[in-house]
Amino acid sequence: MKILFIAPLPPPIHGQSLAAKILLDELKNTNEVFVVNSKESFTKNHLSFLYRIFEVIKLLCIIIETQKKSDLIYLQISESLLGNIKDLMIYWICRKKLSTMYIHLHGGSLKRLLFDKNKWLVFLNKYFISQLAGVIILGKSHIEIFSGLLDKNKIHVVPNFSEDYLFIDNKAINAKFLNVSSLKIVFMSNLIPGKGYLQLIEAYKALDNDLKIRIQLDFCGNFNSIEEETKFITEIEEFQQVTYHGIVNGDKKKEILNNAHVFCLPTSYYEGQPISILEAYASGCYVITTSMGGIKDIFEDRINGYELTDNSVESIQSALKYIIKYRDNLHHIALKNNIYACSQYRTELYCNNISNILGS
């Protein structure tokens, strides 16, 4: 089968680009794949907007040619206004082949951020989406996004995954929870305010000193600017138990997650289905997070960890006190999370499910 594959690919590595790469590598094994990398450039000067327009025009020109010789089209869609306009242009270019196109949504805020605020966007999207072969979403909580836009039997749920190299066995999980002197808590995501990293560090700072020494905090991820990174590093310098590791991948990522006892993502975003939480499960971690967006499809309070009422400093501080007080309970949940991930969130399952939907 000849497949036109349109999606953002690494670098940089984030949830959406990683998912695209994993699927692309699988599809290439048995299909002829024409790849169109739709990632955005993040230049931050006065020419960045004009450069992005040039990029989009170039991308559309490639799609005009490649869609003609494709049997099937796979498109990862955007949740931003400009991104959706770009997707609408792709639909228009491929209008004669919409019945062979599948779109894949990796977020959870398309309806809330765009469709609920722009009725004309709903009309335009419905016109094209209603003609598609199918839509792929991450969890059942996202079905409502496309409700009324196309037949329900064309909406397919395929959960995210954790890469195989991050899975550890029961022996390794038991070992890291044996004789724990301080709980290792890791935050691994983009370091932007909505993800809750600022609230997490403030919650830690507000703890009594005898509780602080019982926690080790590791922050991993990318800042939006050098200024924000410098400010954060300066802020945590006085705390020996707090470390910023920068962007981590491969062996370094595996080392940090596999040694962590607790994963914390106090996000206020209407998330899709954070791969980072599934990676924490695979690595045998207890999880602290909110129930925002698609998180509710993969996380249950007291079953997978501690559900925050919100991402406030007070709520996070209560969670930190709880895990310190009941740290003997963390081990059992960490083991269950690993088993859960092994059965539900492997890359093989992810790729096979999508391949079956595409019929490739």
Protein backbone atom coordinates (compact mmCIF):
# COMPACT_ATOMS: atom_id res chain seq x y z
CA MET A 1 0.00 0.00 0.00
CA LYS A 2 1.16 3.54 -0.77
CA ILE A 3 0.59 5.79 2.24
CA LEU A 4 0.93 9.56 2.46
CA PHE A 5 2.05 10.15 6.07
CA ILE A 6 1.64 13.74 7.34
CA ALA A 7 2.79 14.35 10.92
CA PRO A 8 5.35 16.24 13.02
CA LEU A 9 8.51 14.17 13.43
CA PRO A 10 11.50 14.53 15.81
CA PRO A 11 13.45 16.55 16.60
CA PRO A 12 12.34 17.81 19.02
CA ILE A 13 11.04 14.74 20.81
CA HIS A 14 7.69 15.21 22.50
CA GLY A 15 4.59 13.05 22.83
CA GLN A 16 3.15 13.74 19.40
CA SER A 17 6.39 13.53 17.45
CA LEU A 18 7.45 10.35 19.29
CA ALA A 19 4.11 8.71 18.52
CA ALA A 20 4.47 9.69 14.86
CA LYS A 21 7.99 8.24 14.63
CA ILE A 22 7.00 4.95 16.28
CA LEU A 23 4.05 4.50 13.90
CA LEU A 24 6.03 5.60 10.83
CA ASP A 25 8.78 3.05 11.50
CA GLU A 26 6.14 0.31 11.72
CA LEU A 27 4.28 1.32 8.56
CA LYS A 28 7.52 1.43 6.57
CA ASN A 29 8.04 -2.29 7.21
CA THR A 30 5.16 -3.34 4.95
CA ASN A 31 4.19 -0.26 2.95
CA GLU A 32 5.58 2.37 0.63
CA VAL A 33 5.35 5.56 2.68
CA PHE A 34 5.60 9.15 1.42
CA VAL A 35 6.57 11.25 4.44
CA VAL A 36 5.62 14.90 4.93
CA ASN A 37 7.09 16.33 8.14
CA SER A 38 4.62 18.93 9.44
CA LYS A 39 6.62 20.06 12.48
CA GLU A 40 6.77 23.78 13.12
CA SER A 41 9.91 25.87 13.37
CA PHE A 42 10.26 27.83 16.56
CA THR A 43 12.36 30.78 15.48
CA LYS A 44 11.52 33.77 17.65
CA ASN A 45 12.34 36.80 15.56
CA HIS A 46 10.23 39.23 13.53
CA LEU A 47 10.53 37.01 10.45
CA SER A 48 9.25 33.85 12.18
CA PHE A 49 5.62 34.31 11.10
CA LEU A 50 6.58 34.90 7.48
CA TYR A 51 8.91 31.91 7.58
CA ARG A 52 6.09 29.74 8.97
CA ILE A 53 3.83 30.80 6.09
CA PHE A 54 6.58 29.81 3.67
CA GLU A 55 6.91 26.45 5.43
CA VAL A 56 3.17 25.78 5.18
CA ILE A 57 3.09 26.68 1.48
CA LYS A 58 6.03 24.35 0.86
CA LEU A 59 4.29 21.58 2.83
CA LEU A 60 1.05 22.04 0.86
CA CYS A 61 2.91 21.89 -2.44
CA ILE A 62 4.48 18.56 -1.47
CA ILE A 63 1.06 17.21 -0.46
CA ILE A 64 -0.45 18.30 -3.79
CA GLU A 65 2.00 16.05 -5.61
CA THR A 66 2.21 13.08 -3.24
CA GLN A 67 -1.53 12.68 -2.60
CA LYS A 68 -2.05 11.85 -6.27
CA LYS A 69 -0.05 8.63 -6.02
CA SER A 70 -1.24 7.55 -2.56
CA ASP A 71 -3.74 4.82 -1.74
CA LEU A 72 -4.26 6.11 1.81
CA ILE A 73 -3.60 9.35 3.69
CA TYR A 74 -2.71 9.58 7.39
CA LEU A 75 -2.79 13.04 8.97
CA GLN A 76 -2.03 14.08 12.55
CA ILE A 77 -4.20 17.15 13.08
CA SER A 78 -3.52 20.29 15.08
CA GLU A 79 -5.42 21.95 17.96
CA SER A 80 -4.38 25.54 17.32
CA LEU A 81 -6.36 28.00 15.18
CA LEU A 82 -3.63 28.41 12.56
CA GLY A 83 -2.94 24.70 12.65
CA ASN A 84 -6.59 23.91 12.02
CA ILE A 85 -6.67 26.31 9.08
CA LYS A 86 -3.66 24.44 7.70
CA ASP A 87 -5.51 21.14 8.19
CA LEU A 88 -8.54 22.56 6.35
CA MET A 89 -6.28 23.42 3.41
CA ILE A 90 -4.95 19.85 3.43
CA TYR A 91 -8.52 18.52 3.39
CA TRP A 92 -9.25 20.75 0.40
CA ILE A 93 -6.16 19.59 -1.49
CA CYS A 94 -7.11 15.97 -0.80
CA ARG A 95 -10.86 16.52 -1.30
CA LYS A 96 -11.12 13.81 -3.97
CA LYS A 97 -9.45 11.31 -1.64
CA LEU A 98 -11.16 12.10 1.67
CA SER A 99 -12.70 8.62 1.72
CA THR A 100 -9.15 7.23 1.99
CA MET A 101 -7.96 9.67 4.69
CA TYR A 102 -7.61 8.99 8.41
CA ILE A 103 -6.94 11.81 10.86
CA HIS A 104 -5.31 11.29 14.26
CA LEU A 105 -5.82 13.64 17.21
CA HIS A 106 -3.12 13.48 19.89
CA GLY A 107 -4.56 16.16 22.13
CA GLY A 108 -7.76 16.67 24.07
CA SER A 109 -8.61 20.36 23.73
CA LEU A 110 -9.72 20.74 20.09
CA LYS A 111 -13.40 21.08 20.97
CA ARG A 112 -12.89 23.30 24.00
CA LEU A 113 -10.33 25.64 22.42
CA LEU A 114 -11.64 25.82 18.84
CA PHE A 115 -14.98 24.19 18.07
CA ASP A 116 -16.85 25.60 21.08
CA LYS A 117 -15.65 29.13 20.26
CA ASN A 118 -15.80 29.18 16.46
CA LYS A 119 -19.03 27.88 14.89
CA TRP A 120 -17.72 28.59 11.40
CA LEU A 121 -14.76 26.32 12.10
CA VAL A 122 -17.15 23.56 13.17
CA PHE A 123 -19.08 23.96 9.90
CA LEU A 124 -15.93 23.81 7.75
CA ASN A 125 -14.41 20.91 9.66
CA LYS A 126 -17.66 18.94 9.62
CA TYR A 127 -17.91 19.33 5.85
CA PHE A 128 -14.59 17.57 5.36
CA ILE A 129 -14.46 15.26 8.42
CA SER A 130 -17.86 13.75 7.61
CA GLN A 131 -16.34 12.40 4.37
CA LEU A 132 -13.24 10.84 5.97
CA ALA A 133 -12.49 7.13 6.25
CA GLY A 134 -12.01 7.54 9.98
CA VAL A 135 -10.76 9.42 13.02
CA ILE A 136 -8.29 8.05 15.58
CA ILE A 137 -8.40 9.36 19.16
CA LEU A 138 -6.55 8.44 22.35
CA GLY A 139 -9.39 7.70 24.76
CA LYS A 140 -13.14 7.45 25.24
CA SER A 141 -13.26 10.90 26.84
CA HIS A 142 -12.37 12.38 23.42
CA ILE A 143 -15.28 10.85 21.52
CA GLU A 144 -17.38 13.96 22.22
CA ILE A 145 -14.90 16.08 20.23
CA PHE A 146 -16.07 14.46 16.99
CA SER A 147 -19.63 13.68 18.04
CA GLY A 148 -21.95 14.91 15.29
CA LEU A 149 -19.08 15.43 12.84
CA LEU A 150 -19.04 11.90 11.44
CA ASP A 151 -20.55 8.46 12.06
CA LYS A 152 -19.57 7.03 15.45
CA ASN A 153 -18.45 3.77 13.86
CA LYS A 154 -15.69 5.75 12.14
CA ILE A 155 -14.25 6.94 15.47
CA HIS A 156 -11.47 4.62 16.68
CA VAL A 157 -9.90 4.67 20.15
CA VAL A 158 -6.19 3.79 20.29
CA PRO A 159 -4.42 4.57 23.59
CA ASN A 160 -0.86 5.88 23.72
CA PHE A 161 2.15 3.80 24.74
CA SER A 162 5.46 3.64 26.54
CA GLU A 163 8.58 2.68 24.64
CA ASP A 164 9.76 -0.85 25.38
CA TYR A 165 13.16 0.15 26.74
CA LEU A 166 11.57 1.92 29.72
CA PHE A 167 9.80 -1.18 31.09
CA ILE A 168 11.40 -2.80 34.13
CA ASP A 169 10.61 -6.06 35.91
CA ASN A 170 9.22 -6.70 39.38
CA LYS A 171 12.67 -7.43 40.77
CA ALA A 172 13.91 -3.96 39.81
CA ILE A 173 10.79 -2.30 41.22
CA ASN A 174 11.11 -4.20 44.50
CA ALA A 175 14.77 -3.21 44.74
CA LYS A 176 14.18 0.53 44.38
CA PHE A 177 11.47 0.52 47.04
CA LEU A 178 13.65 -1.38 49.51
CA ASN A 179 14.95 0.72 52.42
CA VAL A 180 13.95 4.08 50.92
CA SER A 181 15.70 6.95 52.72
CA SER A 182 14.16 9.69 50.56
CA LEU A 183 11.42 9.47 47.97
CA LYS A 184 12.61 10.30 44.47
CA ILE A 185 9.94 12.34 42.70
CA VAL A 186 10.35 13.20 39.02
CA PHE A 187 8.64 15.87 36.93
CA MET A 188 9.20 15.14 33.23
CA SER A 189 7.44 17.37 30.72
CA ASN A 190 7.71 20.77 29.08
CA LEU A 191 8.53 23.27 31.80
CA ILE A 192 5.72 25.72 31.11
CA PRO A 193 3.46 27.24 33.78
CA GLY A 194 0.34 25.24 32.86
CA LYS A 195 2.14 21.96 33.51
CA GLY A 196 2.44 22.83 37.20
CA TYR A 197 6.19 22.73 37.75
CA LEU A 198 6.15 26.11 39.49
CA GLN A 199 3.43 24.97 41.87
CA LEU A 200 5.37 21.77 42.57
CA ILE A 201 8.52 23.61 43.60
CA GLU A 202 6.47 26.06 45.71
CA ALA A 203 4.72 23.15 47.43
CA TYR A 204 8.11 21.61 48.20
CA LYS A 205 9.47 24.91 49.56
CA ALA A 206 6.44 25.23 51.86
CA LEU A 207 7.14 21.88 53.55
CA ASP A 208 8.74 21.74 56.98
CA ASN A 209 12.47 21.01 56.88
CA ASP A 210 12.03 17.54 58.37
CA LEU A 211 9.77 16.68 55.41
CA LYS A 212 11.96 18.32 52.77
CA ILE A 213 14.87 16.00 53.54
CA ARG A 214 12.61 13.00 52.89
CA ILE A 215 12.05 14.03 49.28
CA GLN A 216 14.34 14.31 46.28
CA LEU A 217 12.92 16.29 43.36
CA ASP A 218 14.12 15.81 39.77
CA PHE A 219 12.91 18.15 37.02
CA CYS A 220 13.37 17.17 33.38
CA GLY A 221 12.24 19.00 30.27
CA ASN A 222 12.56 22.06 28.10
CA PHE A 223 11.90 25.70 28.99
CA ASN A 224 10.34 28.18 26.58
CA SER A 225 13.24 30.58 27.09
CA ILE A 226 16.75 30.85 28.49
CA GLU A 227 15.46 33.50 30.91
CA GLU A 228 12.90 31.12 32.43
CA GLU A 229 15.48 28.37 32.72
CA THR A 230 18.02 30.65 34.41
CA LYS A 231 15.40 31.93 36.84
CA PHE A 232 14.37 28.41 37.82
CA ILE A 233 17.95 27.18 38.28
CA THR A 234 18.67 30.18 40.50
CA GLU A 235 15.51 29.48 42.51
CA ILE A 236 16.42 25.86 43.29
CA GLU A 237 20.13 26.41 43.99
CA GLU A 238 19.62 26.57 47.74
CA PHE A 239 17.92 23.15 47.85
CA GLN A 240 20.33 20.21 47.70
CA GLN A 241 17.42 17.82 47.21
CA VAL A 242 16.23 19.50 43.99
CA THR A 243 17.90 18.96 40.59
CA TYR A 244 17.20 20.19 37.07
CA HIS A 245 18.49 17.73 34.45
CA GLY A 246 17.50 19.55 31.26
CA ILE A 247 16.09 17.62 28.33
CA VAL A 248 16.59 13.89 28.83
CA ASN A 249 16.26 11.02 26.37
CA GLY A 250 17.55 7.51 25.92
CA ASP A 251 19.68 6.05 28.72
CA LYS A 252 19.48 9.18 30.89
CA LYS A 253 15.70 9.20 30.72
CA LYS A 254 15.60 5.49 31.53
CA GLU A 255 17.93 5.95 34.49
CA ILE A 256 15.88 8.76 36.03
CA LEU A 257 12.49 7.09 35.56
CA ASN A 258 13.65 3.62 36.56
CA ASN A 259 15.10 4.99 39.82
CA ALA A 260 12.11 7.21 40.63
CA HIS A 261 9.49 6.20 43.16
CA VAL A 262 6.93 8.85 42.23
CA PHE A 263 6.06 10.66 39.01
CA CYS A 264 4.32 14.04 39.37
CA LEU A 265 2.49 15.88 36.59
CA PRO A 266 0.27 18.56 38.22
CA THR A 267 -1.03 19.85 34.90
CA SER A 268 -3.90 22.27 34.36
CA TYR A 269 -3.97 21.63 30.60
CA TYR A 270 -6.82 19.73 28.98
CA GLU A 271 -4.41 16.92 28.17
CA GLY A 272 -4.68 14.32 25.45
CA GLN A 273 -3.07 11.26 27.05
CA PRO A 274 0.40 12.09 28.37
CA ILE A 275 2.94 9.52 27.25
CA SER A 276 5.01 10.58 30.27
CA ILE A 277 2.42 9.05 32.64
CA LEU A 278 2.49 5.76 30.73
CA GLU A 279 6.30 5.84 30.84
CA ALA A 280 6.06 6.29 34.61
CA TYR A 281 3.81 3.23 34.82
CA ALA A 282 6.27 1.19 32.76
CA SER A 283 9.08 2.31 35.05
CA GLY A 284 7.25 1.19 38.18
CA CYS A 285 6.28 4.59 39.59
CA TYR A 286 3.45 5.81 41.76
CA VAL A 287 1.78 8.77 39.99
CA ILE A 288 0.53 12.13 41.25
CA THR A 289 -1.54 14.05 38.70
CA THR A 290 -4.81 15.83 37.97
CA SER A 291 -7.76 14.39 36.05
CA MET A 292 -7.57 16.96 33.26
CA GLY A 293 -8.72 15.91 29.80
CA GLY A 294 -7.73 12.43 28.71
CA ILE A 295 -5.80 11.66 31.89
CA LYS A 296 -9.05 10.27 33.29
CA ASP A 297 -8.88 7.52 30.63
CA ILE A 298 -5.60 6.15 31.99
CA PHE A 299 -5.54 7.20 35.66
CA GLU A 300 -7.74 6.43 38.66
CA ASP A 301 -7.36 7.90 42.13
CA ARG A 302 -5.85 5.50 44.69
CA ILE A 303 -5.55 2.83 41.97
CA ASN A 304 -2.68 4.40 40.01
CA GLY A 305 -1.70 7.03 42.56
CA TYR A 306 -2.93 10.29 44.04
CA GLU A 307 -5.38 12.50 42.15
CA LEU A 308 -4.93 16.22 42.78
CA THR A 309 -8.11 18.27 43.16
CA ASP A 310 -6.35 20.95 41.10
CA ASN A 311 -2.77 22.02 40.46
CA SER A 312 -2.66 24.51 43.32
CA VAL A 313 0.28 24.67 45.72
CA GLU A 314 -1.99 23.56 48.55
CA SER A 315 -3.24 20.49 46.71
CA ILE A 316 0.28 19.43 45.69
CA GLN A 317 1.57 19.98 49.21
CA SER A 318 -1.17 17.72 50.56
CA ALA A 319 -0.10 15.05 48.07
CA LEU A 320 3.56 15.34 49.13
CA LYS A 321 2.61 14.98 52.79
CA TYR A 322 0.43 11.99 51.94
CA ILE A 323 3.13 10.03 50.11
CA ILE A 324 5.62 10.70 52.89
CA LYS A 325 3.16 9.49 55.53
CA TYR A 326 1.97 6.47 53.56
CA ARG A 327 5.09 5.67 51.58
CA ASP A 328 4.78 1.96 52.38
CA ASN A 329 1.65 1.94 50.17
CA LEU A 330 3.48 3.31 47.12
CA HIS A 331 5.31 0.10 46.32
CA HIS A 332 2.15 -1.94 45.75
CA ILE A 333 0.64 0.64 43.40
CA ALA A 334 3.91 1.02 41.50
CA LEU A 335 3.92 -2.72 40.82
CA LYS A 336 0.30 -2.61 39.63
CA ASN A 337 1.04 0.33 37.34
CA ASN A 338 3.84 -1.64 35.71
CA ILE A 339 1.56 -4.65 35.14
CA TYR A 340 -1.14 -2.34 33.78
CA ALA A 341 1.29 -0.75 31.31
CA CYS A 342 2.64 -4.14 30.22
CA SER A 343 -0.85 -5.31 29.26
CA GLN A 344 -2.27 -2.10 27.78
CA TYR A 345 0.43 0.34 26.68
CA ARG A 346 3.09 -1.37 24.61
CA THR A 347 4.30 0.08 21.30
CA GLU A 348 3.38 -3.20 19.58
CA LEU A 349 -0.26 -2.81 20.63
CA TYR A 350 -0.29 0.83 19.54
CA CYS A 351 1.15 0.12 16.10
CA ASN A 352 -0.93 -3.00 15.50
CA ASN A 353 -4.16 -1.25 16.43
CA ILE A 354 -3.54 1.67 14.08
CA SER A 355 -2.26 -0.60 11.30
CA ASN A 356 -5.45 -2.64 11.54
CA ILE A 357 -7.58 0.50 11.34
CA LEU A 358 -5.68 1.71 8.30
CA GLY A 359 -5.91 -1.74 6.77
CA SER A 360 -2.18 -1.81 6.13
